[in-house]
Structures are given as C-alpha cells and as structure tokens.
C-alpha atoms as a PDB file:
ATOM      1  CA  MET A   1     -28.409  32.487  51.999  1.00  0.00           C
ATOM      2  CA  SER A   2     -25.155  31.078  53.351  1.00  0.00           C
ATOM      3  CA  THR A   3     -22.332  32.376  55.487  1.00  0.00           C
ATOM      4  CA  VAL A   4     -18.744  31.976  54.287  1.00  0.00           C
ATOM      5  CA  THR A   5     -15.886  32.493  56.751  1.00  0.00           C
ATOM      6  CA  THR A   6     -12.343  32.980  55.437  1.00  0.00           C
ATOM      7  CA  GLY A   7      -9.688  33.887  57.989  1.00  0.00           C
ATOM      8  CA  LYS A   8     -10.889  36.993  59.844  1.00  0.00           C
ATOM      9  CA  ASP A   9     -13.574  37.938  57.281  1.00  0.00           C
ATOM     10  CA  THR A  10     -17.115  36.714  57.476  1.00  0.00           C
ATOM     11  CA  ARG A  11     -19.319  37.275  54.383  1.00  0.00           C
ATOM     12  CA  THR A  12     -22.887  36.438  53.632  1.00  0.00           C
ATOM     13  CA  THR A  13     -23.558  35.399  49.993  1.00  0.00           C
ATOM     14  CA  ASP A  14     -26.469  34.224  47.898  1.00  0.00           C
ATOM     15  CA  THR A  15     -25.948  30.715  46.566  1.00  0.00           C
ATOM     16  CA  LEU A  16     -27.971  28.307  44.485  1.00  0.00           C
ATOM     17  CA  ASP A  17     -28.817  24.972  45.970  1.00  0.00           C
ATOM     18  CA  PHE A  18     -26.684  22.508  43.997  1.00  0.00           C
ATOM     19  CA  VAL A  19     -25.968  18.876  44.716  1.00  0.00           C
ATOM     20  CA  ALA A  20     -23.241  17.188  42.635  1.00  0.00           C
ATOM     21  CA  PRO A  21     -24.542  14.051  40.917  1.00  0.00           C
ATOM     22  CA  LYS A  22     -23.104  10.730  41.899  1.00  0.00           C
ATOM     23  CA  ALA A  23     -20.927   8.774  39.489  1.00  0.00           C
ATOM     24  CA  ASP A  24     -23.646   6.253  38.604  1.00  0.00           C
ATOM     25  CA  GLU A  25     -26.169   9.040  38.067  1.00  0.00           C
ATOM     26  CA  LEU A  26     -23.749  10.892  35.781  1.00  0.00           C
ATOM     27  CA  ALA A  27     -23.109   7.731  33.730  1.00  0.00           C
ATOM     28  CA  ALA A  28     -26.838   7.129  33.384  1.00  0.00           C
ATOM     29  CA  LEU A  29     -27.288  10.734  32.258  1.00  0.00           C
ATOM     30  CA  LEU A  30     -24.608  10.409  29.559  1.00  0.00           C
ATOM     31  CA  VAL A  31     -25.826   7.057  28.302  1.00  0.00           C
ATOM     32  CA  GLY A  32     -29.357   8.368  28.109  1.00  0.00           C
ATOM     33  CA  HIS A  33     -28.452  10.843  25.379  1.00  0.00           C
ATOM     34  CA  SER A  34     -28.842   9.547  21.821  1.00  0.00           C
ATOM     35  CA  ARG A  35     -25.597   8.904  19.972  1.00  0.00           C
ATOM     36  CA  PRO A  36     -25.022  10.255  16.477  1.00  0.00           C
ATOM     37  CA  PRO A  37     -26.062   7.783  13.766  1.00  0.00           C
ATOM     38  CA  ARG A  38     -23.462   5.396  12.437  1.00  0.00           C
ATOM     39  CA  PRO A  39     -22.091   6.635   9.082  1.00  0.00           C
ATOM     40  CA  GLY A  40     -23.252   4.741   6.013  1.00  0.00           C
ATOM     41  CA  ALA A  41     -20.973   3.004   3.534  1.00  0.00           C
ATOM     42  CA  LEU A  42     -21.040   5.881   1.045  1.00  0.00           C
ATOM     43  CA  SER A  43     -20.526   8.553   3.696  1.00  0.00           C
ATOM     44  CA  ALA A  44     -17.560   6.745   5.245  1.00  0.00           C
ATOM     45  CA  SER A  45     -15.983   6.070   1.845  1.00  0.00           C
ATOM     46  CA  MET A  46     -16.352   9.701   0.782  1.00  0.00           C
ATOM     47  CA  THR A  47     -14.756  10.826   4.050  1.00  0.00           C
ATOM     48  CA  PHE A  48     -11.708   8.666   3.427  1.00  0.00           C
ATOM     49  CA  GLY A  49     -11.656   9.874  -0.167  1.00  0.00           C
ATOM     50  CA  TRP A  50     -11.541  13.449   1.094  1.00  0.00           C
ATOM     51  CA  ARG A  51      -8.685  12.438   3.396  1.00  0.00           C
ATOM     52  CA  ALA A  52      -6.746  11.250   0.328  1.00  0.00           C
ATOM     53  CA  MET A  53      -7.373  14.617  -1.336  1.00  0.00           C
ATOM     54  CA  LEU A  54      -6.145  16.498   1.741  1.00  0.00           C
ATOM     55  CA  LYS A  55      -2.867  14.574   1.544  1.00  0.00           C
ATOM     56  CA  ILE A  56      -2.386  15.989  -1.958  1.00  0.00           C
ATOM     57  CA  LYS A  57      -3.146  19.473  -0.618  1.00  0.00           C
ATOM     58  CA  HIS A  58      -0.393  19.201   1.979  1.00  0.00           C
ATOM     59  CA  VAL A  59       2.046  17.395  -0.345  1.00  0.00           C
ATOM     60  CA  PRO A  60       1.397  18.902  -3.817  1.00  0.00           C
ATOM     61  CA  GLU A  61       4.427  17.092  -5.220  1.00  0.00           C
ATOM     62  CA  GLN A  62       2.134  14.049  -5.471  1.00  0.00           C
ATOM     63  CA  LEU A  63       0.553  15.699  -8.512  1.00  0.00           C
ATOM     64  CA  PHE A  64       3.779  15.331 -10.489  1.00  0.00           C
ATOM     65  CA  ASP A  65       2.756  11.912 -11.794  1.00  0.00           C
ATOM     66  CA  VAL A  66      -0.568  13.255 -13.116  1.00  0.00           C
ATOM     67  CA  THR A  67       0.762  16.473 -14.659  1.00  0.00           C
ATOM     68  CA  ALA A  68       4.395  16.419 -15.759  1.00  0.00           C
ATOM     69  CA  PHE A  69       4.490  12.676 -16.430  1.00  0.00           C
ATOM     70  CA  PRO A  70       1.509  12.620 -18.866  1.00  0.00           C
ATOM     71  CA  ILE A  71       2.836  15.666 -20.731  1.00  0.00           C
ATOM     72  CA  MET A  72       6.217  13.997 -21.099  1.00  0.00           C
ATOM     73  CA  MET A  73       4.619  10.762 -22.326  1.00  0.00           C
ATOM     74  CA  VAL A  74       2.506  12.462 -24.988  1.00  0.00           C
ATOM     75  CA  LEU A  75       5.290  14.639 -26.371  1.00  0.00           C
ATOM     76  CA  MET A  76       7.997  11.994 -26.238  1.00  0.00           C
ATOM     77  CA  TYR A  77       6.122   9.181 -27.990  1.00  0.00           C
ATOM     78  CA  THR A  78       4.393  11.462 -30.493  1.00  0.00           C
ATOM     79  CA  TYR A  79       7.532  13.118 -31.775  1.00  0.00           C
ATOM     80  CA  LEU A  80       9.732  10.048 -31.359  1.00  0.00           C
ATOM     81  CA  PHE A  81       7.554   7.560 -33.278  1.00  0.00           C
ATOM     82  CA  GLY A  82       5.147   9.743 -35.242  1.00  0.00           C
ATOM     83  CA  GLY A  83       7.229  10.196 -38.375  1.00  0.00           C
ATOM     84  CA  ALA A  84       8.472   6.601 -38.482  1.00  0.00           C
ATOM     85  CA  LEU A  85       5.135   4.871 -37.866  1.00  0.00           C
ATOM     86  CA  ALA A  86       2.581   7.149 -39.499  1.00  0.00           C
ATOM     87  CA  GLY A  87       4.559   9.512 -41.683  1.00  0.00           C
ATOM     88  CA  SER A  88       3.742  12.619 -39.666  1.00  0.00           C
ATOM     89  CA  VAL A  89       3.024  13.740 -36.125  1.00  0.00           C
ATOM     90  CA  SER A  90      -0.477  14.973 -36.989  1.00  0.00           C
ATOM     91  CA  SER A  91      -1.468  11.554 -38.364  1.00  0.00           C
ATOM     92  CA  TYR A  92       0.041   9.517 -35.537  1.00  0.00           C
ATOM     93  CA  ILE A  93      -1.458  11.611 -32.737  1.00  0.00           C
ATOM     94  CA  GLN A  94      -4.969  10.599 -33.874  1.00  0.00           C
ATOM     95  CA  PHE A  95      -4.105   6.954 -33.174  1.00  0.00           C
ATOM     96  CA  LEU A  96      -1.723   7.444 -30.273  1.00  0.00           C
ATOM     97  CA  LEU A  97      -3.479   9.866 -27.927  1.00  0.00           C
ATOM     98  CA  PRO A  98      -6.342   7.587 -26.759  1.00  0.00           C
ATOM     99  CA  GLY A  99      -3.873   4.748 -26.311  1.00  0.00           C
ATOM    100  CA  ILE A 100      -1.269   6.785 -24.434  1.00  0.00           C
ATOM    101  CA  LEU A 101      -4.089   8.184 -22.289  1.00  0.00           C
ATOM    102  CA  VAL A 102      -5.028   4.645 -21.295  1.00  0.00           C
ATOM    103  CA  MET A 103      -1.422   3.670 -20.698  1.00  0.00           C
ATOM    104  CA  SER A 104      -0.598   6.676 -18.499  1.00  0.00           C
ATOM    105  CA  VAL A 105      -3.680   6.426 -16.301  1.00  0.00           C
ATOM    106  CA  VAL A 106      -3.308   2.670 -15.871  1.00  0.00           C
ATOM    107  CA  MET A 107       0.350   3.127 -14.905  1.00  0.00           C
ATOM    108  CA  ILE A 108      -0.353   5.696 -12.179  1.00  0.00           C
ATOM    109  CA  THR A 109      -2.872   3.371 -10.509  1.00  0.00           C
ATOM    110  CA  MET A 110       0.046   1.671  -8.772  1.00  0.00           C
ATOM    111  CA  TYR A 111       0.449   4.641  -6.407  1.00  0.00           C
ATOM    112  CA  THR A 112      -2.694   3.492  -4.622  1.00  0.00           C
ATOM    113  CA  GLY A 113      -0.802   0.489  -3.286  1.00  0.00           C
ATOM    114  CA  VAL A 114       2.112   2.696  -2.257  1.00  0.00           C
ATOM    115  CA  SER A 115      -0.220   4.951  -0.244  1.00  0.00           C
ATOM    116  CA  VAL A 116      -1.840   1.979   1.464  1.00  0.00           C
ATOM    117  CA  ASN A 117       1.529   0.483   2.384  1.00  0.00           C
ATOM    118  CA  THR A 118       2.769   3.827   3.751  1.00  0.00           C
ATOM    119  CA  ASP A 119      -0.241   4.178   6.055  1.00  0.00           C
ATOM    120  CA  ILE A 120       0.219   0.619   7.280  1.00  0.00           C
ATOM    121  CA  GLU A 121       3.842   1.324   8.173  1.00  0.00           C
ATOM    122  CA  LYS A 122       2.764   4.422  10.113  1.00  0.00           C
ATOM    123  CA  GLY A 123       0.156   2.455  12.081  1.00  0.00           C
ATOM    124  CA  VAL A 124      -2.797   4.449  10.735  1.00  0.00           C
ATOM    125  CA  PHE A 125      -4.734   1.358   9.716  1.00  0.00           C
ATOM    126  CA  ASP A 126      -4.742   0.091  13.290  1.00  0.00           C
ATOM    127  CA  ARG A 127      -6.845   3.128  14.165  1.00  0.00           C
ATOM    128  CA  PHE A 128      -9.141   2.658  11.189  1.00  0.00           C
ATOM    129  CA  ARG A 129     -10.023  -0.868  12.289  1.00  0.00           C
ATOM    130  CA  THR A 130     -11.261   0.401  15.665  1.00  0.00           C
ATOM    131  CA  LEU A 131     -13.785   2.786  14.086  1.00  0.00           C
ATOM    132  CA  PRO A 132     -17.477   1.804  13.853  1.00  0.00           C
ATOM    133  CA  ILE A 133     -17.579   2.150  10.072  1.00  0.00           C
ATOM    134  CA  TRP A 134     -18.104   0.030   6.988  1.00  0.00           C
ATOM    135  CA  ARG A 135     -15.025  -2.181   6.838  1.00  0.00           C
ATOM    136  CA  PRO A 136     -13.991  -1.550   3.190  1.00  0.00           C
ATOM    137  CA  ALA A 137     -14.430   2.248   3.571  1.00  0.00           C
ATOM    138  CA  PRO A 138     -10.689   3.072   3.974  1.00  0.00           C
ATOM    139  CA  MET A 139      -9.814   1.083   0.835  1.00  0.00           C
ATOM    140  CA  VAL A 140     -12.654   2.480  -1.229  1.00  0.00           C
ATOM    141  CA  GLY A 141     -11.711   5.953  -0.016  1.00  0.00           C
ATOM    142  CA  TYR A 142      -8.200   5.571  -1.377  1.00  0.00           C
ATOM    143  CA  LEU A 143      -9.577   4.564  -4.750  1.00  0.00           C
ATOM    144  CA  LEU A 144     -12.121   7.393  -4.857  1.00  0.00           C
ATOM    145  CA  GLY A 145      -9.396   9.905  -4.073  1.00  0.00           C
ATOM    146  CA  ASP A 146      -7.276   8.494  -6.865  1.00  0.00           C
ATOM    147  CA  VAL A 147     -10.139   8.865  -9.345  1.00  0.00           C
ATOM    148  CA  VAL A 148      -9.645  12.628  -9.045  1.00  0.00           C
ATOM    149  CA  ARG A 149      -5.986  12.163  -9.906  1.00  0.00           C
ATOM    150  CA  TYR A 150      -6.963  10.126 -12.969  1.00  0.00           C
ATOM    151  CA  LEU A 151      -9.315  12.906 -14.054  1.00  0.00           C
ATOM    152  CA  ILE A 152      -6.520  15.457 -13.757  1.00  0.00           C
ATOM    153  CA  ALA A 153      -4.160  13.279 -15.793  1.00  0.00           C
ATOM    154  CA  SER A 154      -6.816  12.761 -18.485  1.00  0.00           C
ATOM    155  CA  ALA A 155      -7.530  16.485 -18.721  1.00  0.00           C
ATOM    156  CA  VAL A 156      -3.827  17.322 -18.975  1.00  0.00           C
ATOM    157  CA  MET A 157      -3.174  14.761 -21.709  1.00  0.00           C
ATOM    158  CA  LEU A 158      -6.220  15.704 -23.765  1.00  0.00           C
ATOM    159  CA  THR A 159      -5.246  19.367 -23.569  1.00  0.00           C
ATOM    160  CA  VAL A 160      -1.700  18.678 -24.714  1.00  0.00           C
ATOM    161  CA  GLY A 161      -2.964  16.375 -27.472  1.00  0.00           C
ATOM    162  CA  MET A 162      -5.340  19.007 -28.824  1.00  0.00           C
ATOM    163  CA  ILE A 163      -2.544  21.579 -28.828  1.00  0.00           C
ATOM    164  CA  ILE A 164      -0.352  19.359 -31.029  1.00  0.00           C
ATOM    165  CA  GLY A 165      -3.171  18.381 -33.397  1.00  0.00           C
ATOM    166  CA  TYR A 166      -5.492  15.734 -31.952  1.00  0.00           C
ATOM    167  CA  ARG A 167      -9.141  16.084 -32.957  1.00  0.00           C
ATOM    168  CA  ALA A 168     -11.852  13.802 -31.561  1.00  0.00           C
ATOM    169  CA  ALA A 169     -14.403  12.993 -34.256  1.00  0.00           C
ATOM    170  CA  GLY A 170     -16.815  11.892 -31.549  1.00  0.00           C
ATOM    171  CA  GLY A 171     -16.853  15.364 -30.051  1.00  0.00           C
ATOM    172  CA  ALA A 172     -17.239  16.150 -26.366  1.00  0.00           C
ATOM    173  CA  VAL A 173     -19.662  13.264 -25.819  1.00  0.00           C
ATOM    174  CA  GLY A 174     -17.273  10.712 -27.291  1.00  0.00           C
ATOM    175  CA  VAL A 175     -14.378  12.041 -25.213  1.00  0.00           C
ATOM    176  CA  LEU A 176     -16.499  12.013 -22.052  1.00  0.00           C
ATOM    177  CA  LEU A 177     -17.642   8.423 -22.626  1.00  0.00           C
ATOM    178  CA  GLY A 178     -14.075   7.323 -23.267  1.00  0.00           C
ATOM    179  CA  VAL A 179     -12.788   8.963 -20.086  1.00  0.00           C
ATOM    180  CA  VAL A 180     -15.629   7.512 -17.991  1.00  0.00           C
ATOM    181  CA  LEU A 181     -14.867   4.004 -19.264  1.00  0.00           C
ATOM    182  CA  LEU A 182     -11.184   4.547 -18.485  1.00  0.00           C
ATOM    183  CA  LEU A 183     -12.015   5.682 -14.935  1.00  0.00           C
ATOM    184  CA  VAL A 184     -14.214   2.633 -14.330  1.00  0.00           C
ATOM    185  CA  PHE A 185     -11.443   0.268 -15.412  1.00  0.00           C
ATOM    186  CA  SER A 186      -8.762   2.168 -13.476  1.00  0.00           C
ATOM    187  CA  PHE A 187     -10.839   2.078 -10.284  1.00  0.00           C
ATOM    188  CA  SER A 188     -11.200  -1.696 -10.664  1.00  0.00           C
ATOM    189  CA  PHE A 189      -7.557  -2.203 -11.642  1.00  0.00           C
ATOM    190  CA  SER A 190      -6.388  -0.322  -8.548  1.00  0.00           C
ATOM    191  CA  TRP A 191      -7.677  -3.117  -6.318  1.00  0.00           C
ATOM    192  CA  ILE A 192      -4.672  -5.152  -7.452  1.00  0.00           C
ATOM    193  CA  TRP A 193      -2.330  -2.594  -5.923  1.00  0.00           C
ATOM    194  CA  THR A 194      -4.289  -2.318  -2.668  1.00  0.00           C
ATOM    195  CA  MET A 195      -3.744  -6.064  -2.346  1.00  0.00           C
ATOM    196  CA  PHE A 196      -0.005  -5.665  -2.913  1.00  0.00           C
ATOM    197  CA  GLY A 197       0.056  -2.695  -0.527  1.00  0.00           C
ATOM    198  CA  LEU A 198      -1.293  -4.952   2.231  1.00  0.00           C
ATOM    199  CA  LEU A 199       0.712  -8.015   1.234  1.00  0.00           C
ATOM    200  CA  LEU A 200       4.213  -6.568   0.787  1.00  0.00           C
ATOM    201  CA  ARG A 201       6.371  -5.150   3.547  1.00  0.00           C
ATOM    202  CA  SER A 202       7.675  -1.907   2.017  1.00  0.00           C
ATOM    203  CA  GLU A 203       6.632   0.668  -0.529  1.00  0.00           C
ATOM    204  CA  LYS A 204       9.722  -0.113  -2.610  1.00  0.00           C
ATOM    205  CA  SER A 205       8.517  -3.700  -2.923  1.00  0.00           C
ATOM    206  CA  VAL A 206       5.091  -2.459  -4.001  1.00  0.00           C
ATOM    207  CA  MET A 207       6.669  -0.228  -6.649  1.00  0.00           C
ATOM    208  CA  GLY A 208       8.898  -3.025  -7.942  1.00  0.00           C
ATOM    209  CA  VAL A 209       6.133  -5.612  -8.260  1.00  0.00           C
ATOM    210  CA  SER A 210       3.779  -3.039  -9.800  1.00  0.00           C
ATOM    211  CA  MET A 211       6.298  -2.181 -12.496  1.00  0.00           C
ATOM    212  CA  MET A 212       6.793  -5.863 -13.307  1.00  0.00           C
ATOM    213  CA  VAL A 213       3.062  -6.229 -13.922  1.00  0.00           C
ATOM    214  CA  ILE A 214       2.214  -2.902 -15.548  1.00  0.00           C
ATOM    215  CA  PHE A 215       5.021  -2.570 -18.080  1.00  0.00           C
ATOM    216  CA  PRO A 216       4.391  -5.848 -19.959  1.00  0.00           C
ATOM    217  CA  LEU A 217       0.634  -5.356 -19.754  1.00  0.00           C
ATOM    218  CA  THR A 218       0.658  -1.830 -21.184  1.00  0.00           C
ATOM    219  CA  PHE A 219       3.452  -2.136 -23.746  1.00  0.00           C
ATOM    220  CA  LEU A 220       2.206  -5.504 -25.071  1.00  0.00           C
ATOM    221  CA  SER A 221      -0.998  -3.936 -26.356  1.00  0.00           C
ATOM    222  CA  ASN A 222      -2.282  -1.835 -29.226  1.00  0.00           C
ATOM    223  CA  VAL A 223      -1.407   1.458 -27.519  1.00  0.00           C
ATOM    224  CA  PHE A 224       1.390   2.313 -29.974  1.00  0.00           C
ATOM    225  CA  VAL A 225       0.790   0.166 -33.077  1.00  0.00           C
ATOM    226  CA  ASP A 226      -1.804  -2.064 -34.680  1.00  0.00           C
ATOM    227  CA  PRO A 227      -1.158  -5.676 -33.552  1.00  0.00           C
ATOM    228  CA  LYS A 228      -1.655  -6.962 -37.123  1.00  0.00           C
ATOM    229  CA  THR A 229       2.070  -6.424 -37.755  1.00  0.00           C
ATOM    230  CA  MET A 230       3.072  -8.600 -34.776  1.00  0.00           C
ATOM    231  CA  PRO A 231       3.969 -12.316 -34.826  1.00  0.00           C
ATOM    232  CA  GLY A 232       1.017 -14.665 -34.471  1.00  0.00           C
ATOM    233  CA  TRP A 233       1.886 -15.852 -30.957  1.00  0.00           C
ATOM    234  CA  LEU A 234       2.204 -12.253 -29.760  1.00  0.00           C
ATOM    235  CA  GLN A 235      -1.044 -11.233 -31.448  1.00  0.00           C
ATOM    236  CA  ALA A 236      -2.843 -13.914 -29.460  1.00  0.00           C
ATOM    237  CA  PHE A 237      -1.714 -12.307 -26.206  1.00  0.00           C
ATOM    238  CA  VAL A 238      -2.172  -8.690 -27.291  1.00  0.00           C
ATOM    239  CA  ASN A 239      -5.657  -9.187 -28.747  1.00  0.00           C
ATOM    240  CA  ASN A 240      -6.884 -10.708 -25.492  1.00  0.00           C
ATOM    241  CA  SER A 241      -5.210  -8.222 -23.167  1.00  0.00           C
ATOM    242  CA  PRO A 242      -7.573  -6.094 -21.019  1.00  0.00           C
ATOM    243  CA  VAL A 243      -5.480  -3.011 -21.883  1.00  0.00           C
ATOM    244  CA  THR A 244      -6.001  -3.692 -25.611  1.00  0.00           C
ATOM    245  CA  HIS A 245      -9.772  -3.943 -25.166  1.00  0.00           C
ATOM    246  CA  LEU A 246      -9.759  -0.745 -23.124  1.00  0.00           C
ATOM    247  CA  ALA A 247      -7.543   1.188 -25.552  1.00  0.00           C
ATOM    248  CA  THR A 248      -9.670   0.086 -28.518  1.00  0.00           C
ATOM    249  CA  ALA A 249     -12.889   1.039 -26.751  1.00  0.00           C
ATOM    250  CA  VAL A 250     -11.585   4.486 -25.739  1.00  0.00           C
ATOM    251  CA  ARG A 251     -10.130   5.104 -29.217  1.00  0.00           C
ATOM    252  CA  GLU A 252     -13.368   4.175 -30.969  1.00  0.00           C
ATOM    253  CA  LEU A 253     -15.586   6.139 -28.588  1.00  0.00           C
ATOM    254  CA  MET A 254     -13.506   9.262 -29.107  1.00  0.00           C
ATOM    255  CA  ALA A 255     -13.741   8.656 -32.861  1.00  0.00           C
ATOM    256  CA  GLY A 256     -17.524   8.681 -32.663  1.00  0.00           C
ATOM    257  CA  ASN A 257     -18.092   4.916 -32.944  1.00  0.00           C
ATOM    258  CA  TRP A 258     -19.714   2.421 -30.574  1.00  0.00           C
ATOM    259  CA  PRO A 259     -17.407  -0.609 -30.043  1.00  0.00           C
ATOM    260  CA  ALA A 260     -19.907  -2.755 -28.155  1.00  0.00           C
ATOM    261  CA  ALA A 261     -17.667  -5.825 -27.938  1.00  0.00           C
ATOM    262  CA  ASP A 262     -14.663  -3.967 -26.526  1.00  0.00           C
ATOM    263  CA  ILE A 263     -16.854  -2.043 -24.077  1.00  0.00           C
ATOM    264  CA  ALA A 264     -18.357  -5.309 -22.879  1.00  0.00           C
ATOM    265  CA  TRP A 265     -14.914  -6.894 -22.486  1.00  0.00           C
ATOM    266  CA  THR A 266     -13.659  -3.859 -20.531  1.00  0.00           C
ATOM    267  CA  LEU A 267     -16.630  -3.838 -18.171  1.00  0.00           C
ATOM    268  CA  GLY A 268     -16.310  -7.596 -17.760  1.00  0.00           C
ATOM    269  CA  TRP A 269     -12.635  -7.315 -16.863  1.00  0.00           C
ATOM    270  CA  SER A 270     -13.496  -4.514 -14.422  1.00  0.00           C
ATOM    271  CA  ALA A 271     -16.093  -6.664 -12.667  1.00  0.00           C
ATOM    272  CA  VAL A 272     -13.702  -9.613 -12.396  1.00  0.00           C
ATOM    273  CA  LEU A 273     -10.935  -7.419 -10.960  1.00  0.00           C
ATOM    274  CA  VAL A 274     -13.223  -5.982  -8.281  1.00  0.00           C
ATOM    275  CA  VAL A 275     -14.697  -9.348  -7.311  1.00  0.00           C
ATOM    276  CA  VAL A 276     -11.385 -11.213  -7.152  1.00  0.00           C
ATOM    277  CA  PHE A 277      -8.906  -8.642  -5.880  1.00  0.00           C
ATOM    278  CA  GLY A 278     -11.466  -6.757  -3.796  1.00  0.00           C
ATOM    279  CA  ALA A 279     -12.254  -9.944  -1.882  1.00  0.00           C
ATOM    280  CA  VAL A 280      -8.558 -10.800  -1.424  1.00  0.00           C
ATOM    281  CA  THR A 281      -7.797  -7.234  -0.326  1.00  0.00           C
ATOM    282  CA  MET A 282     -10.499  -7.233   2.358  1.00  0.00           C
ATOM    283  CA  ARG A 283      -9.414 -10.645   3.607  1.00  0.00           C
ATOM    284  CA  LEU A 284      -5.845  -9.373   4.012  1.00  0.00           C
ATOM    285  CA  TYR A 285      -7.088  -6.136   5.578  1.00  0.00           C
ATOM    286  CA  ASN A 286      -9.095  -7.991   8.233  1.00  0.00           C
ATOM    287  CA  ARG A 287      -6.123 -10.188   9.070  1.00  0.00           C
ATOM    288  CA  LYS A 288      -3.420  -7.497   8.955  1.00  0.00           C
END
C-alpha cells in the first residue's frame, strides 16, 4: 500500500514493488539473450535474389527485355532470313530457334551489371557491406534473380517458336536439358557484367561496354548460319567461340542428340568465367 498526494486530494493505492534496473544491469540482461544465428551463404544469397524479384514486382517494365524483345527477335529473324537461307520459314526455324534462344538470353545478361551499378550509385552497397553475411551474397543474389528472367525469356521464345512451326525432336527432356545448360552458362557469363557494374562509373557506360562485347560475340557465331560458308580466318574464330559451343550444344540437345564435346566446352567456359570474373568482381566489391 502507498499513499499518493496530488494537490488537495489524497488517495491510497495498491502498487507493486518495482525497482528500475540500472544501466549496466540492463545491458547485461540484453547481452545475455542469445542472438539469432548468422544466415548461411545460401540463405543470404536467396534473400538477395528475392530482393531482385521484388524490384521487378514494383517496376514491371523490367520484364520488357524478357518478353517483347525475345518475341521480336524470333519473328524478325525467322521471317527476314528464313526464305533466303533455308527456302522456307518452317525449315529455317528448326535451325534458328535454339540459336536465337541462346543469343537473346546471353544478350539480356548485361542488365545484371546495370542493376549493380544503379545500386552502387544509390549507396545501397555501403549498407550491404555492414551486414554480417557471406560477402558474395549480394552479387550471387543478383544473378539468381536474373535466372528467373532468363527462364521467362526462354519460355516466351519457345512458345512463339512452336506457334510458327518449331518442333523439338528431343521432346520435353531435350528442351529441358538445353535450357538448363543455357542457364548455367548465362549465370557464369553474368559475372562479367557484375565486374563492369563495379568498375564503371555510370549505367550508360556499362550498357555501352556490354554492347561492344556482346554483339561481336553473339553475331560471330553459328546462331544464324553454318560457319562452313565463312572465310577460313573467320571460321577459326567462330568455331572456338563459347557462344558457338553453347548454341551447338543447345541445338543438338533439343534435337535429341548428345553433343558431349560441345557440352564439355560450354561447362568449361562457364567454370573459367566464374573463377576469373567472380574473383575480380569480389576484389572490386571489397575495395569499392
């Protein structure tokens, strides 16, 4: 029991005995509680991947390059070159679709670098570096989020191709294996653009440099025509291009064959890209 006097009124109230803890006691109490476990590499990467997906949710215009652009590529090249190169659209689409699928997905990998550069300009990466997480998680998260975009682009292009006459002799399994191989290479290839996103000072610079690399690499390949008709010096470059190995592997898998050599070359190129450009990217990220 305690007596409380306010002005002219005197009241008797029941109170609980309570003594406020001192500052050092409160700190000891808080520190004594167990902290949540530190997120693992996979968990942190998936979280940043989900963040990349949420950006698409809030800015759906980002899906333009994986929907409208692939449709335009398939229709334009099929009907523009089909009659001249193969005699008919239905014949050319059997050769073209796997190649144009590779070309389109490889081309849209450059937007990874643009996203990285944009977040750097906004200061977001300064916050990421203060988090107690696996250091490469933000970069891997970007790439995992982009894998979903590559899947969407592949589905759109295959749907359009089937509408205009493409038929995969390898069936669903062959198509699935081809798309998986394409996703593996695209994930590895995207590390080049994360490096440029960290290295260059503006997203326009990233776009410009990306175009200078991607256009020669994709057009100087067997995406559109068989390299046997090319000059000898050009054949030497085209036949050893990673895009040529990838396009051949995807084309043969969808046709029901097993191009072991081209699959091995593609996986080898993928490993080299991750080891070299992944290491350079993380070195730049730690110094940025």
